[in-house]
PDB file of N, CA and C in Angstrom:
ATOM      1  N   UNK A   1       0.837  -1.177  -0.005  1.00  0.00           N
ATOM      2  CA  UNK A   1      -0.009  -0.004   0.003  1.00  0.00           C
ATOM      3  C   UNK A   1       0.898   1.250   0.012  1.00  0.00           C
ATOM      4  N   UNK A   2       0.591   2.180  -0.888  1.00  0.00           N
ATOM      5  CA  UNK A   2       1.335   3.414  -0.975  1.00  0.00           C
ATOM      6  C   UNK A   2       0.819   4.384   0.071  1.00  0.00           C
ATOM      7  N   UNK A   3       1.722   4.922   0.865  1.00  0.00           N
ATOM      8  CA  UNK A   3       1.336   5.877   1.922  1.00  0.00           C
ATOM      9  C   UNK A   3       1.486   7.299   1.394  1.00  0.00           C
ATOM     10  N   UNK A   4       0.926   8.244   2.145  1.00  0.00           N
ATOM     11  CA  UNK A   4       1.062   9.668   1.794  1.00  0.00           C
ATOM     12  C   UNK A   4       2.538  10.018   1.782  1.00  0.00           C
ATOM     13  N   UNK A   5       3.275   9.493   2.761  1.00  0.00           N
ATOM     14  CA  UNK A   5       4.707   9.744   2.813  1.00  0.00           C
ATOM     15  C   UNK A   5       5.402   9.316   1.517  1.00  0.00           C
ATOM     16  N   UNK A   6       5.056   8.110   1.057  1.00  0.00           N
ATOM     17  CA  UNK A   6       5.661   7.617  -0.178  1.00  0.00           C
ATOM     18  C   UNK A   6       5.293   8.491  -1.382  1.00  0.00           C
ATOM     19  N   UNK A   7       4.040   8.931  -1.433  1.00  0.00           N
ATOM     20  CA  UNK A   7       3.612   9.773  -2.545  1.00  0.00           C
ATOM     21  C   UNK A   7       4.351  11.125  -2.529  1.00  0.00           C
ATOM     22  N   UNK A   8       4.469  11.717  -1.356  1.00  0.00           N
ATOM     23  CA  UNK A   8       5.172  12.983  -1.259  1.00  0.00           C
ATOM     24  C   UNK A   8       6.641  12.838  -1.566  1.00  0.00           C
ATOM     25  N   UNK A   9       7.241  11.731  -1.085  1.00  0.00           N
ATOM     26  CA  UNK A   9       8.655  11.479  -1.358  1.00  0.00           C
ATOM     27  C   UNK A   9       8.896  11.341  -2.852  1.00  0.00           C
ATOM     28  N   UNK A  10       8.043  10.555  -3.523  1.00  0.00           N
ATOM     29  CA  UNK A  10       8.176  10.357  -4.961  1.00  0.00           C
ATOM     30  C   UNK A  10       8.021  11.680  -5.692  1.00  0.00           C
ATOM     31  N   UNK A  11       7.059  12.489  -5.261  1.00  0.00           N
ATOM     32  CA  UNK A  11       6.840  13.793  -5.906  1.00  0.00           C
ATOM     33  C   UNK A  11       8.076  14.689  -5.742  1.00  0.00           C
ATOM     34  N   UNK A  12       8.597  14.751  -4.530  1.00  0.00           N
ATOM     35  CA  UNK A  12       9.757  15.614  -4.271  1.00  0.00           C
ATOM     36  C   UNK A  12      10.988  15.122  -5.065  1.00  0.00           C
ATOM     37  N   UNK A  13      11.189  13.817  -5.120  1.00  0.00           N
ATOM     38  CA  UNK A  13      12.311  13.292  -5.903  1.00  0.00           C
ATOM     39  C   UNK A  13      12.138  13.587  -7.375  1.00  0.00           C
ATOM     40  N   UNK A  14      10.899  13.479  -7.876  1.00  0.00           N
ATOM     41  CA  UNK A  14      10.632  13.800  -9.289  1.00  0.00           C
ATOM     42  C   UNK A  14      10.893  15.259  -9.557  1.00  0.00           C
ATOM     43  N   UNK A  15      10.457  16.131  -8.657  1.00  0.00           N
ATOM     44  CA  UNK A  15      10.683  17.566  -8.820  1.00  0.00           C
ATOM     45  C   UNK A  15      12.168  17.913  -8.839  1.00  0.00           C
ATOM     46  N   UNK A  16      12.945  17.157  -8.055  1.00  0.00           N
ATOM     47  CA  UNK A  16      14.387  17.390  -8.002  1.00  0.00           C
ATOM     48  C   UNK A  16      15.117  16.751  -9.149  1.00  0.00           C
ATOM     49  N   UNK A  17      14.416  15.992  -9.977  1.00  0.00           N
ATOM     50  CA  UNK A  17      15.033  15.332 -11.116  1.00  0.00           C
ATOM     51  C   UNK A  17      15.778  14.071 -10.753  1.00  0.00           C
ATOM     52  N   UNK A  18      15.579  13.566  -9.543  1.00  0.00           N
ATOM     53  CA  UNK A  18      16.268  12.378  -9.078  1.00  0.00           C
ATOM     54  C   UNK A  18      15.514  11.117  -9.538  1.00  0.00           C
ATOM     55  N   UNK A  19      14.232  11.229  -9.650  1.00  0.00           N
ATOM     56  CA  UNK A  19      13.395  10.070  -9.988  1.00  0.00           C
ATOM     57  C   UNK A  19      12.647  10.426 -11.280  1.00  0.00           C
ATOM     58  N   UNK A  20      12.751   9.548 -12.244  1.00  0.00           N
ATOM     59  CA  UNK A  20      12.041   9.780 -13.497  1.00  0.00           C
ATOM     60  C   UNK A  20      10.698   9.074 -13.459  1.00  0.00           C
ATOM     61  N   UNK A  21       9.635   9.815 -13.795  1.00  0.00           N
ATOM     62  CA  UNK A  21       8.326   9.248 -13.855  1.00  0.00           C
ATOM     63  C   UNK A  21       7.713   9.607 -15.215  1.00  0.00           C
ATOM     64  N   UNK A  22       6.788   8.789 -15.668  1.00  0.00           N
ATOM     65  CA  UNK A  22       6.139   9.068 -16.953  1.00  0.00           C
ATOM     66  C   UNK A  22       5.168  10.215 -16.836  1.00  0.00           C
ATOM     67  N   UNK A  23       4.485  10.330 -15.705  1.00  0.00           N
ATOM     68  CA  UNK A  23       3.554  11.419 -15.457  1.00  0.00           C
ATOM     69  C   UNK A  23       4.049  12.212 -14.267  1.00  0.00           C
ATOM     70  N   UNK A  24       4.380  13.480 -14.491  1.00  0.00           N
ATOM     71  CA  UNK A  24       4.794  14.265 -13.337  1.00  0.00           C
ATOM     72  C   UNK A  24       3.626  14.484 -12.363  1.00  0.00           C
ATOM     73  N   UNK A  25       3.889  14.348 -11.114  1.00  0.00           N
ATOM     74  CA  UNK A  25       2.849  14.534 -10.105  1.00  0.00           C
ATOM     75  C   UNK A  25       2.464  16.000 -10.055  1.00  0.00           C
ATOM     76  N   UNK A  26       1.208  16.283  -9.734  1.00  0.00           N
ATOM     77  CA  UNK A  26       0.782  17.686  -9.589  1.00  0.00           C
ATOM     78  C   UNK A  26       1.468  18.315  -8.386  1.00  0.00           C
ATOM     79  N   UNK A  27       1.538  19.633  -8.401  1.00  0.00           N
ATOM     80  CA  UNK A  27       2.114  20.351  -7.256  1.00  0.00           C
ATOM     81  C   UNK A  27       1.211  20.191  -6.043  1.00  0.00           C
ATOM     82  N   UNK A  28       1.767  20.478  -4.885  1.00  0.00           N
ATOM     83  CA  UNK A  28       0.968  20.385  -3.664  1.00  0.00           C
ATOM     84  C   UNK A  28      -0.215  21.383  -3.719  1.00  0.00           C
ATOM     85  N   UNK A  29       0.006  22.564  -4.268  1.00  0.00           N
ATOM     86  CA  UNK A  29      -1.095  23.537  -4.419  1.00  0.00           C
ATOM     87  C   UNK A  29      -2.184  22.989  -5.335  1.00  0.00           C
ATOM     88  N   UNK A  30      -1.789  22.326  -6.415  1.00  0.00           N
ATOM     89  CA  UNK A  30      -2.768  21.711  -7.320  1.00  0.00           C
ATOM     90  C   UNK A  30      -3.551  20.600  -6.610  1.00  0.00           C
ATOM     91  N   UNK A  31      -2.824  19.813  -5.820  1.00  0.00           N
ATOM     92  CA  UNK A  31      -3.489  18.737  -5.063  1.00  0.00           C
ATOM     93  C   UNK A  31      -4.504  19.331  -4.092  1.00  0.00           C
ATOM     94  N   UNK A  32      -4.075  20.404  -3.370  1.00  0.00           N
ATOM     95  CA  UNK A  32      -4.995  21.045  -2.424  1.00  0.00           C
ATOM     96  C   UNK A  32      -6.248  21.517  -3.145  1.00  0.00           C
ATOM     97  N   UNK A  33      -6.086  22.111  -4.321  1.00  0.00           N
ATOM     98  CA  UNK A  33      -7.243  22.647  -5.057  1.00  0.00           C
ATOM     99  C   UNK A  33      -8.139  21.495  -5.544  1.00  0.00           C
ATOM    100  N   UNK A  34      -7.547  20.379  -5.958  1.00  0.00           N
ATOM    101  CA  UNK A  34      -8.338  19.234  -6.438  1.00  0.00           C
ATOM    102  C   UNK A  34      -9.084  18.543  -5.298  1.00  0.00           C
ATOM    103  N   UNK A  35      -8.509  18.543  -4.125  1.00  0.00           N
ATOM    104  CA  UNK A  35      -9.024  17.769  -3.018  1.00  0.00           C
ATOM    105  C   UNK A  35      -9.895  18.597  -2.059  1.00  0.00           C
ATOM    106  N   UNK A  36     -10.496  19.659  -2.575  1.00  0.00           N
ATOM    107  CA  UNK A  36     -11.302  20.513  -1.707  1.00  0.00           C
ATOM    108  C   UNK A  36     -12.529  20.969  -2.463  1.00  0.00           C
ATOM    109  N   UNK A  37     -13.569  21.299  -1.680  1.00  0.00           N
ATOM    110  CA  UNK A  37     -14.803  21.835  -2.262  1.00  0.00           C
ATOM    111  C   UNK A  37     -15.096  23.182  -1.648  1.00  0.00           C
ATOM    112  N   UNK A  38     -14.962  24.235  -2.445  1.00  0.00           N
ATOM    113  CA  UNK A  38     -15.248  25.588  -1.951  1.00  0.00           C
ATOM    114  C   UNK A  38     -16.729  25.709  -1.585  1.00  0.00           C
ATOM    115  N   UNK A  39     -17.606  25.029  -2.302  1.00  0.00           N
ATOM    116  CA  UNK A  39     -19.038  25.052  -2.005  1.00  0.00           C
ATOM    117  C   UNK A  39     -19.305  24.463  -0.611  1.00  0.00           C
ATOM    118  N   UNK A  40     -18.692  23.307  -0.352  1.00  0.00           N
ATOM    119  CA  UNK A  40     -18.868  22.673   0.952  1.00  0.00           C
ATOM    120  C   UNK A  40     -18.348  23.573   2.067  1.00  0.00           C
ATOM    121  N   UNK A  41     -17.172  24.178   1.855  1.00  0.00           N
ATOM    122  CA  UNK A  41     -16.600  25.088   2.858  1.00  0.00           C
ATOM    123  C   UNK A  41     -17.518  26.273   3.098  1.00  0.00           C
ATOM    124  N   UNK A  42     -18.086  26.845   2.041  1.00  0.00           N
ATOM    125  CA  UNK A  42     -18.996  28.000   2.229  1.00  0.00           C
ATOM    126  C   UNK A  42     -20.235  27.599   3.010  1.00  0.00           C
ATOM    127  N   UNK A  43     -20.781  26.433   2.683  1.00  0.00           N
ATOM    128  CA  UNK A  43     -21.945  25.951   3.428  1.00  0.00           C
ATOM    129  C   UNK A  43     -21.605  25.741   4.912  1.00  0.00           C
ATOM    130  N   UNK A  44     -20.419  25.226   5.169  1.00  0.00           N
ATOM    131  CA  UNK A  44     -19.980  25.034   6.555  1.00  0.00           C
ATOM    132  C   UNK A  44     -19.901  26.390   7.255  1.00  0.00           C
ATOM    133  N   UNK A  45     -19.246  27.347   6.599  1.00  0.00           N
ATOM    134  CA  UNK A  45     -19.055  28.673   7.188  1.00  0.00           C
ATOM    135  C   UNK A  45     -20.399  29.355   7.479  1.00  0.00           C
ATOM    136  N   UNK A  46     -21.332  29.232   6.556  1.00  0.00           N
ATOM    137  CA  UNK A  46     -22.660  29.827   6.752  1.00  0.00           C
ATOM    138  C   UNK A  46     -23.320  29.276   8.026  1.00  0.00           C
ATOM    139  N   UNK A  47     -23.247  27.956   8.172  1.00  0.00           N
ATOM    140  CA  UNK A  47     -23.884  27.329   9.320  1.00  0.00           C
ATOM    141  C   UNK A  47     -23.112  27.605  10.614  1.00  0.00           C
ATOM    142  N   UNK A  48     -21.783  27.706  10.532  1.00  0.00           N
ATOM    143  CA  UNK A  48     -21.023  28.074  11.712  1.00  0.00           C
ATOM    144  C   UNK A  48     -21.333  29.494  12.171  1.00  0.00           C
ATOM    145  N   UNK A  49     -21.589  30.390  11.219  1.00  0.00           N
ATOM    146  CA  UNK A  49     -21.977  31.755  11.585  1.00  0.00           C
ATOM    147  C   UNK A  49     -23.295  31.750  12.327  1.00  0.00           C
ATOM    148  N   UNK A  50     -24.260  30.925  11.897  1.00  0.00           N
ATOM    149  CA  UNK A  50     -25.531  30.810  12.608  1.00  0.00           C
ATOM    150  C   UNK A  50     -25.305  30.193  13.990  1.00  0.00           C
ATOM    151  N   UNK A  51     -24.345  29.282  14.083  1.00  0.00           N
ATOM    152  CA  UNK A  51     -23.997  28.680  15.370  1.00  0.00           C
ATOM    153  C   UNK A  51     -23.513  29.702  16.375  1.00  0.00           C
ATOM    154  N   UNK A  52     -22.884  30.762  15.876  1.00  0.00           N
ATOM    155  CA  UNK A  52     -22.442  31.839  16.771  1.00  0.00           C
ATOM    156  C   UNK A  52     -23.629  32.397  17.535  1.00  0.00           C
ATOM    157  N   UNK A  53     -24.756  32.586  16.850  1.00  0.00           N
ATOM    158  CA  UNK A  53     -25.935  33.179  17.481  1.00  0.00           C
ATOM    159  C   UNK A  53     -26.673  32.162  18.354  1.00  0.00           C
ATOM    160  N   UNK A  54     -26.619  30.888  17.978  1.00  0.00           N
ATOM    161  CA  UNK A  54     -27.299  29.856  18.771  1.00  0.00           C
ATOM    162  C   UNK A  54     -26.511  29.452  20.021  1.00  0.00           C
ATOM    163  N   UNK A  55     -25.213  29.264  19.837  1.00  0.00           N
ATOM    164  CA  UNK A  55     -24.381  28.682  20.897  1.00  0.00           C
ATOM    165  C   UNK A  55     -23.314  29.608  21.469  1.00  0.00           C
ATOM    166  N   UNK A  56     -23.104  30.749  20.833  1.00  0.00           N
ATOM    167  CA  UNK A  56     -22.068  31.657  21.280  1.00  0.00           C
ATOM    168  C   UNK A  56     -20.777  31.431  20.525  1.00  0.00           C
ATOM    169  N   UNK A  57     -19.778  32.268  20.809  1.00  0.00           N
ATOM    170  CA  UNK A  57     -18.501  32.153  20.109  1.00  0.00           C
ATOM    171  C   UNK A  57     -17.819  30.814  20.441  1.00  0.00           C
ATOM    172  N   UNK A  58     -17.289  30.181  19.426  1.00  0.00           N
ATOM    173  CA  UNK A  58     -16.647  28.886  19.593  1.00  0.00           C
ATOM    174  C   UNK A  58     -15.501  28.943  20.609  1.00  0.00           C
ATOM    175  N   UNK A  59     -14.631  29.963  20.563  1.00  0.00           N
ATOM    176  CA  UNK A  59     -13.531  29.989  21.541  1.00  0.00           C
ATOM    177  C   UNK A  59     -14.008  29.965  22.992  1.00  0.00           C
ATOM    178  N   UNK A  60     -15.172  30.545  23.251  1.00  0.00           N
ATOM    179  CA  UNK A  60     -15.686  30.570  24.621  1.00  0.00           C
ATOM    180  C   UNK A  60     -16.255  29.213  25.079  1.00  0.00           C
ATOM    181  N   UNK A  61     -16.426  28.290  24.118  1.00  0.00           N
ATOM    182  CA  UNK A  61     -16.959  26.980  24.458  1.00  0.00           C
ATOM    183  C   UNK A  61     -15.854  25.985  24.870  1.00  0.00           C
ATOM    184  N   UNK A  62     -14.622  26.358  24.664  1.00  0.00           N
ATOM    185  CA  UNK A  62     -13.520  25.470  25.037  1.00  0.00           C
ATOM    186  C   UNK A  62     -13.539  25.239  26.535  1.00  0.00           C
ATOM    187  N   UNK A  63     -13.656  23.969  26.913  1.00  0.00           N
ATOM    188  CA  UNK A  63     -13.701  23.610  28.318  1.00  0.00           C
ATOM    189  C   UNK A  63     -15.077  23.749  28.953  1.00  0.00           C
ATOM    190  N   UNK A  64     -16.015  24.374  28.242  1.00  0.00           N
ATOM    191  CA  UNK A  64     -17.372  24.601  28.790  1.00  0.00           C
ATOM    192  C   UNK A  64     -18.452  24.115  27.846  1.00  0.00           C
ATOM    193  N   UNK A  65     -18.105  23.266  26.917  1.00  0.00           N
ATOM    194  CA  UNK A  65     -19.068  22.820  25.918  1.00  0.00           C
ATOM    195  C   UNK A  65     -20.070  21.850  26.531  1.00  0.00           C
ATOM    196  N   UNK A  66     -21.346  22.069  26.261  1.00  0.00           N
ATOM    197  CA  UNK A  66     -22.397  21.323  26.923  1.00  0.00           C
ATOM    198  C   UNK A  66     -23.242  20.499  25.933  1.00  0.00           C
ATOM    199  N   UNK A  67     -22.689  20.148  24.781  1.00  0.00           N
ATOM    200  CA  UNK A  67     -23.481  19.457  23.756  1.00  0.00           C
ATOM    201  C   UNK A  67     -22.826  18.149  23.378  1.00  0.00           C
ATOM    202  N   UNK A  68     -23.659  17.188  23.012  1.00  0.00           N
ATOM    203  CA  UNK A  68     -23.203  15.852  22.610  1.00  0.00           C
ATOM    204  C   UNK A  68     -22.940  15.813  21.109  1.00  0.00           C
ATOM    205  N   UNK A  69     -21.780  16.321  20.743  1.00  0.00           N
ATOM    206  CA  UNK A  69     -21.413  16.384  19.318  1.00  0.00           C
ATOM    207  C   UNK A  69     -21.368  15.000  18.681  1.00  0.00           C
ATOM    208  N   UNK A  70     -20.762  14.059  19.365  1.00  0.00           N
ATOM    209  CA  UNK A  70     -20.596  12.719  18.788  1.00  0.00           C
ATOM    210  C   UNK A  70     -21.939  12.039  18.591  1.00  0.00           C
ATOM    211  N   UNK A  71     -22.832  12.162  19.570  1.00  0.00           N
ATOM    212  CA  UNK A  71     -24.161  11.602  19.418  1.00  0.00           C
ATOM    213  C   UNK A  71     -24.916  12.250  18.255  1.00  0.00           C
ATOM    214  N   UNK A  72     -24.742  13.546  18.126  1.00  0.00           N
ATOM    215  CA  UNK A  72     -25.400  14.265  17.044  1.00  0.00           C
ATOM    216  C   UNK A  72     -24.836  13.867  15.688  1.00  0.00           C
ATOM    217  N   UNK A  73     -23.530  13.610  15.623  1.00  0.00           N
ATOM    218  CA  UNK A  73     -22.929  13.143  14.372  1.00  0.00           C
ATOM    219  C   UNK A  73     -23.525  11.794  13.988  1.00  0.00           C
ATOM    220  N   UNK A  74     -23.600  10.886  14.954  1.00  0.00           N
ATOM    221  CA  UNK A  74     -24.155   9.552  14.689  1.00  0.00           C
ATOM    222  C   UNK A  74     -25.608   9.645  14.215  1.00  0.00           C
ATOM    223  N   UNK A  75     -26.408  10.495  14.885  1.00  0.00           N
ATOM    224  CA  UNK A  75     -27.796  10.645  14.521  1.00  0.00           C
ATOM    225  C   UNK A  75     -27.944  11.202  13.106  1.00  0.00           C
ATOM    226  N   UNK A  76     -27.155  12.219  12.764  1.00  0.00           N
ATOM    227  CA  UNK A  76     -27.231  12.826  11.447  1.00  0.00           C
ATOM    228  C   UNK A  76     -26.750  11.842  10.370  1.00  0.00           C
ATOM    229  N   UNK A  77     -25.727  11.047  10.685  1.00  0.00           N
ATOM    230  CA  UNK A  77     -25.237  10.083   9.707  1.00  0.00           C
ATOM    231  C   UNK A  77     -26.296   9.047   9.413  1.00  0.00           C
ATOM    232  N   UNK A  78     -26.989   8.601  10.440  1.00  0.00           N
ATOM    233  CA  UNK A  78     -28.068   7.634  10.263  1.00  0.00           C
ATOM    234  C   UNK A  78     -29.174   8.202   9.370  1.00  0.00           C
ATOM    235  N   UNK A  79     -29.540   9.455   9.616  1.00  0.00           N
ATOM    236  CA  UNK A  79     -30.573  10.099   8.804  1.00  0.00           C
ATOM    237  C   UNK A  79     -30.090  10.263   7.353  1.00  0.00           C
ATOM    238  N   UNK A  80     -28.807  10.654   7.193  1.00  0.00           N
ATOM    239  CA  UNK A  80     -28.247  10.846   5.864  1.00  0.00           C
ATOM    240  C   UNK A  80     -28.292   9.545   5.058  1.00  0.00           C
ATOM    241  N   UNK A  81     -27.990   8.419   5.695  1.00  0.00           N
ATOM    242  CA  UNK A  81     -27.993   7.152   4.988  1.00  0.00           C
ATOM    243  C   UNK A  81     -29.343   6.864   4.349  1.00  0.00           C
ATOM    244  N   UNK A  82     -30.395   7.341   4.966  1.00  0.00           N
ATOM    245  CA  UNK A  82     -31.758   7.136   4.417  1.00  0.00           C
ATOM    246  C   UNK A  82     -32.156   8.248   3.441  1.00  0.00           C
ATOM    247  N   UNK A  83     -31.897   9.484   3.827  1.00  0.00           N
ATOM    248  CA  UNK A  83     -32.409  10.627   3.056  1.00  0.00           C
ATOM    249  C   UNK A  83     -31.480  11.097   1.940  1.00  0.00           C
ATOM    250  N   UNK A  84     -30.183  10.870   2.088  1.00  0.00           N
ATOM    251  CA  UNK A  84     -29.157  11.354   1.143  1.00  0.00           C
ATOM    252  C   UNK A  84     -29.133  12.897   1.074  1.00  0.00           C
ATOM    253  N   UNK A  85     -29.669  13.560   2.100  1.00  0.00           N
ATOM    254  CA  UNK A  85     -29.668  15.032   2.158  1.00  0.00           C
ATOM    255  C   UNK A  85     -28.257  15.488   2.536  1.00  0.00           C
ATOM    256  N   UNK A  86     -27.568  16.096   1.572  1.00  0.00           N
ATOM    257  CA  UNK A  86     -26.158  16.480   1.771  1.00  0.00           C
ATOM    258  C   UNK A  86     -25.962  17.556   2.839  1.00  0.00           C
ATOM    259  N   UNK A  87     -27.038  18.256   3.193  1.00  0.00           N
ATOM    260  CA  UNK A  87     -26.914  19.244   4.274  1.00  0.00           C
ATOM    261  C   UNK A  87     -26.433  18.567   5.537  1.00  0.00           C
ATOM    262  N   UNK A  88     -26.861  17.335   5.753  1.00  0.00           N
ATOM    263  CA  UNK A  88     -26.437  16.600   6.940  1.00  0.00           C
ATOM    264  C   UNK A  88     -24.951  16.353   6.966  1.00  0.00           C
ATOM    265  N   UNK A  89     -24.317  16.206   5.795  1.00  0.00           N
ATOM    266  CA  UNK A  89     -22.871  16.031   5.740  1.00  0.00           C
ATOM    267  C   UNK A  89     -22.148  17.305   6.191  1.00  0.00           C
ATOM    268  N   UNK A  90     -22.706  18.445   5.842  1.00  0.00           N
ATOM    269  CA  UNK A  90     -22.178  19.748   6.298  1.00  0.00           C
ATOM    270  C   UNK A  90     -22.296  19.833   7.793  1.00  0.00           C
ATOM    271  N   UNK A  91     -23.452  19.464   8.311  1.00  0.00           N
ATOM    272  CA  UNK A  91     -23.656  19.471   9.786  1.00  0.00           C
ATOM    273  C   UNK A  91     -22.673  18.554  10.466  1.00  0.00           C
ATOM    274  N   UNK A  92     -22.453  17.367   9.914  1.00  0.00           N
ATOM    275  CA  UNK A  92     -21.503  16.400  10.487  1.00  0.00           C
ATOM    276  C   UNK A  92     -20.097  16.979  10.520  1.00  0.00           C
ATOM    277  N   UNK A  93     -19.704  17.620   9.439  1.00  0.00           N
ATOM    278  CA  UNK A  93     -18.373  18.232   9.376  1.00  0.00           C
ATOM    279  C   UNK A  93     -18.236  19.327  10.423  1.00  0.00           C
ATOM    280  N   UNK A  94     -19.269  20.131  10.561  1.00  0.00           N
ATOM    281  CA  UNK A  94     -19.207  21.224  11.549  1.00  0.00           C
ATOM    282  C   UNK A  94     -19.180  20.654  12.995  1.00  0.00           C
ATOM    283  N   UNK A  95     -19.951  19.656  13.232  1.00  0.00           N
ATOM    284  CA  UNK A  95     -19.933  19.026  14.548  1.00  0.00           C
ATOM    285  C   UNK A  95     -18.552  18.440  14.860  1.00  0.00           C
ATOM    286  N   UNK A  96     -17.908  17.864  13.862  1.00  0.00           N
ATOM    287  CA  UNK A  96     -16.547  17.337  14.056  1.00  0.00           C
ATOM    288  C   UNK A  96     -15.561  18.476  14.326  1.00  0.00           C
ATOM    289  N   UNK A  97     -15.726  19.574  13.607  1.00  0.00           N
ATOM    290  CA  UNK A  97     -14.862  20.728  13.820  1.00  0.00           C
ATOM    291  C   UNK A  97     -15.039  21.267  15.260  1.00  0.00           C
ATOM    292  N   UNK A  98     -16.288  21.421  15.681  1.00  0.00           N
ATOM    293  CA  UNK A  98     -16.557  21.905  17.041  1.00  0.00           C
ATOM    294  C   UNK A  98     -15.969  20.963  18.089  1.00  0.00           C
ATOM    295  N   UNK A  99     -16.168  19.676  17.891  1.00  0.00           N
ATOM    296  CA  UNK A  99     -15.612  18.688  18.827  1.00  0.00           C
ATOM    297  C   UNK A  99     -14.093  18.814  18.917  1.00  0.00           C
ATOM    298  N   UNK A 100     -13.455  19.021  17.752  1.00  0.00           N
ATOM    299  CA  UNK A 100     -12.015  19.195  17.700  1.00  0.00           C
ATOM    300  C   UNK A 100     -11.568  20.425  18.498  1.00  0.00           C
ATOM    301  N   UNK A 101     -12.271  21.527  18.291  1.00  0.00           N
ATOM    302  CA  UNK A 101     -11.893  22.810  18.885  1.00  0.00           C
ATOM    303  C   UNK A 101     -12.136  22.836  20.392  1.00  0.00           C
ATOM    304  N   UNK A 102     -13.298  22.344  20.828  1.00  0.00           N
ATOM    305  CA  UNK A 102     -13.656  22.486  22.239  1.00  0.00           C
ATOM    306  C   UNK A 102     -12.967  21.470  23.168  1.00  0.00           C
ATOM    307  N   UNK A 103     -12.276  20.542  22.590  1.00  0.00           N
ATOM    308  CA  UNK A 103     -11.565  19.546  23.422  1.00  0.00           C
ATOM    309  C   UNK A 103     -10.065  19.521  23.083  1.00  0.00           C
ATOM    310  N   UNK A 104      -9.355  20.623  23.368  1.00  0.00           N
ATOM    311  CA  UNK A 104      -7.933  20.630  23.084  1.00  0.00           C
ATOM    312  C   UNK A 104      -7.155  19.641  23.949  1.00  0.00           C
ATOM    313  N   UNK A 105      -7.802  19.165  25.039  1.00  0.00           N
ATOM    314  CA  UNK A 105      -7.132  18.219  25.914  1.00  0.00           C
ATOM    315  C   UNK A 105      -7.112  16.798  25.328  1.00  0.00           C
ATOM    316  N   UNK A 106      -7.946  16.574  24.320  1.00  0.00           N
ATOM    317  CA  UNK A 106      -7.928  15.256  23.659  1.00  0.00           C
ATOM    318  C   UNK A 106      -6.698  15.155  22.740  1.00  0.00           C
ATOM    319  N   UNK A 107      -6.060  14.010  22.675  1.00  0.00           N
ATOM    320  CA  UNK A 107      -4.813  13.919  21.892  1.00  0.00           C
ATOM    321  C   UNK A 107      -5.054  13.993  20.402  1.00  0.00           C
ATOM    322  N   UNK A 108      -4.061  14.467  19.684  1.00  0.00           N
ATOM    323  CA  UNK A 108      -4.031  14.400  18.215  1.00  0.00           C
ATOM    324  C   UNK A 108      -2.752  13.649  17.887  1.00  0.00           C
ATOM    325  N   UNK A 109      -2.903  12.430  17.434  1.00  0.00           N
ATOM    326  CA  UNK A 109      -1.748  11.580  17.082  1.00  0.00           C
ATOM    327  C   UNK A 109      -1.857  11.227  15.619  1.00  0.00           C
ATOM    328  N   UNK A 110      -1.023  11.864  14.819  1.00  0.00           N
ATOM    329  CA  UNK A 110      -1.050  11.609  13.380  1.00  0.00           C
ATOM    330  C   UNK A 110      -0.414  10.259  13.089  1.00  0.00           C
ATOM    331  N   UNK A 111      -1.258   9.313  12.695  1.00  0.00           N
ATOM    332  CA  UNK A 111      -0.785   7.969  12.339  1.00  0.00           C
ATOM    333  C   UNK A 111      -1.555   7.501  11.114  1.00  0.00           C
ATOM    334  N   UNK A 112      -0.899   6.670  10.326  1.00  0.00           N
ATOM    335  CA  UNK A 112      -1.610   5.983   9.242  1.00  0.00           C
ATOM    336  C   UNK A 112      -2.035   4.664   9.825  1.00  0.00           C
ATOM    337  N   UNK A 113      -3.276   4.645  10.324  1.00  0.00           N
ATOM    338  CA  UNK A 113      -3.738   3.478  11.054  1.00  0.00           C
ATOM    339  C   UNK A 113      -4.293   2.379  10.167  1.00  0.00           C
ATOM    340  N   UNK A 114      -4.249   2.574   8.869  1.00  0.00           N
ATOM    341  CA  UNK A 114      -4.759   1.551   7.964  1.00  0.00           C
ATOM    342  C   UNK A 114      -6.255   1.535   7.824  1.00  0.00           C
ATOM    343  N   UNK A 115      -6.947   2.453   8.478  1.00  0.00           N
ATOM    344  CA  UNK A 115      -8.395   2.518   8.352  1.00  0.00           C
ATOM    345  C   UNK A 115      -8.723   3.479   7.208  1.00  0.00           C
ATOM    346  N   UNK A 116      -9.225   2.914   6.155  1.00  0.00           N
ATOM    347  CA  UNK A 116      -9.535   3.713   4.952  1.00  0.00           C
ATOM    348  C   UNK A 116     -10.916   3.318   4.440  1.00  0.00           C
ATOM    349  N   UNK A 117     -11.500   4.172   3.632  1.00  0.00           N
ATOM    350  CA  UNK A 117     -12.799   3.875   3.036  1.00  0.00           C
ATOM    351  C   UNK A 117     -12.637   2.677   2.095  1.00  0.00           C
ATOM    352  N   UNK A 118     -13.569   1.763   2.184  1.00  0.00           N
ATOM    353  CA  UNK A 118     -13.535   0.600   1.298  1.00  0.00           C
ATOM    354  C   UNK A 118     -14.101   0.958  -0.044  1.00  0.00           C
ATOM    355  N   UNK A 119     -13.568   0.328  -1.073  1.00  0.00           N
ATOM    356  CA  UNK A 119     -14.054   0.553  -2.416  1.00  0.00           C
ATOM    357  C   UNK A 119     -15.434  -0.076  -2.584  1.00  0.00           C
ATOM    358  N   UNK A 120     -16.366   0.673  -3.191  1.00  0.00           N
ATOM    359  CA  UNK A 120     -17.693   0.146  -3.443  1.00  0.00           C
ATOM    360  C   UNK A 120     -17.635  -0.872  -4.566  1.00  0.00           C
ATOM    361  N   UNK A 121     -18.473  -1.875  -4.438  1.00  0.00           N
ATOM    362  CA  UNK A 121     -18.549  -2.883  -5.494  1.00  0.00           C
ATOM    363  C   UNK A 121     -19.428  -2.368  -6.611  1.00  0.00           C
ATOM    364  N   UNK A 122     -18.994  -2.590  -7.843  1.00  0.00           N
ATOM    365  CA  UNK A 122     -19.736  -2.061  -9.000  1.00  0.00           C
ATOM    366  C   UNK A 122     -21.048  -2.758  -9.203  1.00  0.00           C
TER     367      UNK A 122
END
């Protein structure tokens, strides 16, 4: 299995002319542009702005957050599986962001744990 490290290493070696490849890898900026949705980000931001009025400023919730983000993520995911309403995906992303921000005491350990999305069968 090719890891992100391997892909970046290959790209950097190709850029330096050390490794010859038939297809030059895109730049990191090009990859960032390809792997992002400005529409999704805008929808997130719109809903986070409304969250300011409902729940208050996010920085003030650090250490004082009183909501079950994880339970809400699970509930919305369950509803999404039935309805396919993409708004729920935006809500899930925002809930994950809030959970990340309000719990700085939880660890962040960057590891390639081998847990990846499975390929759908055709």
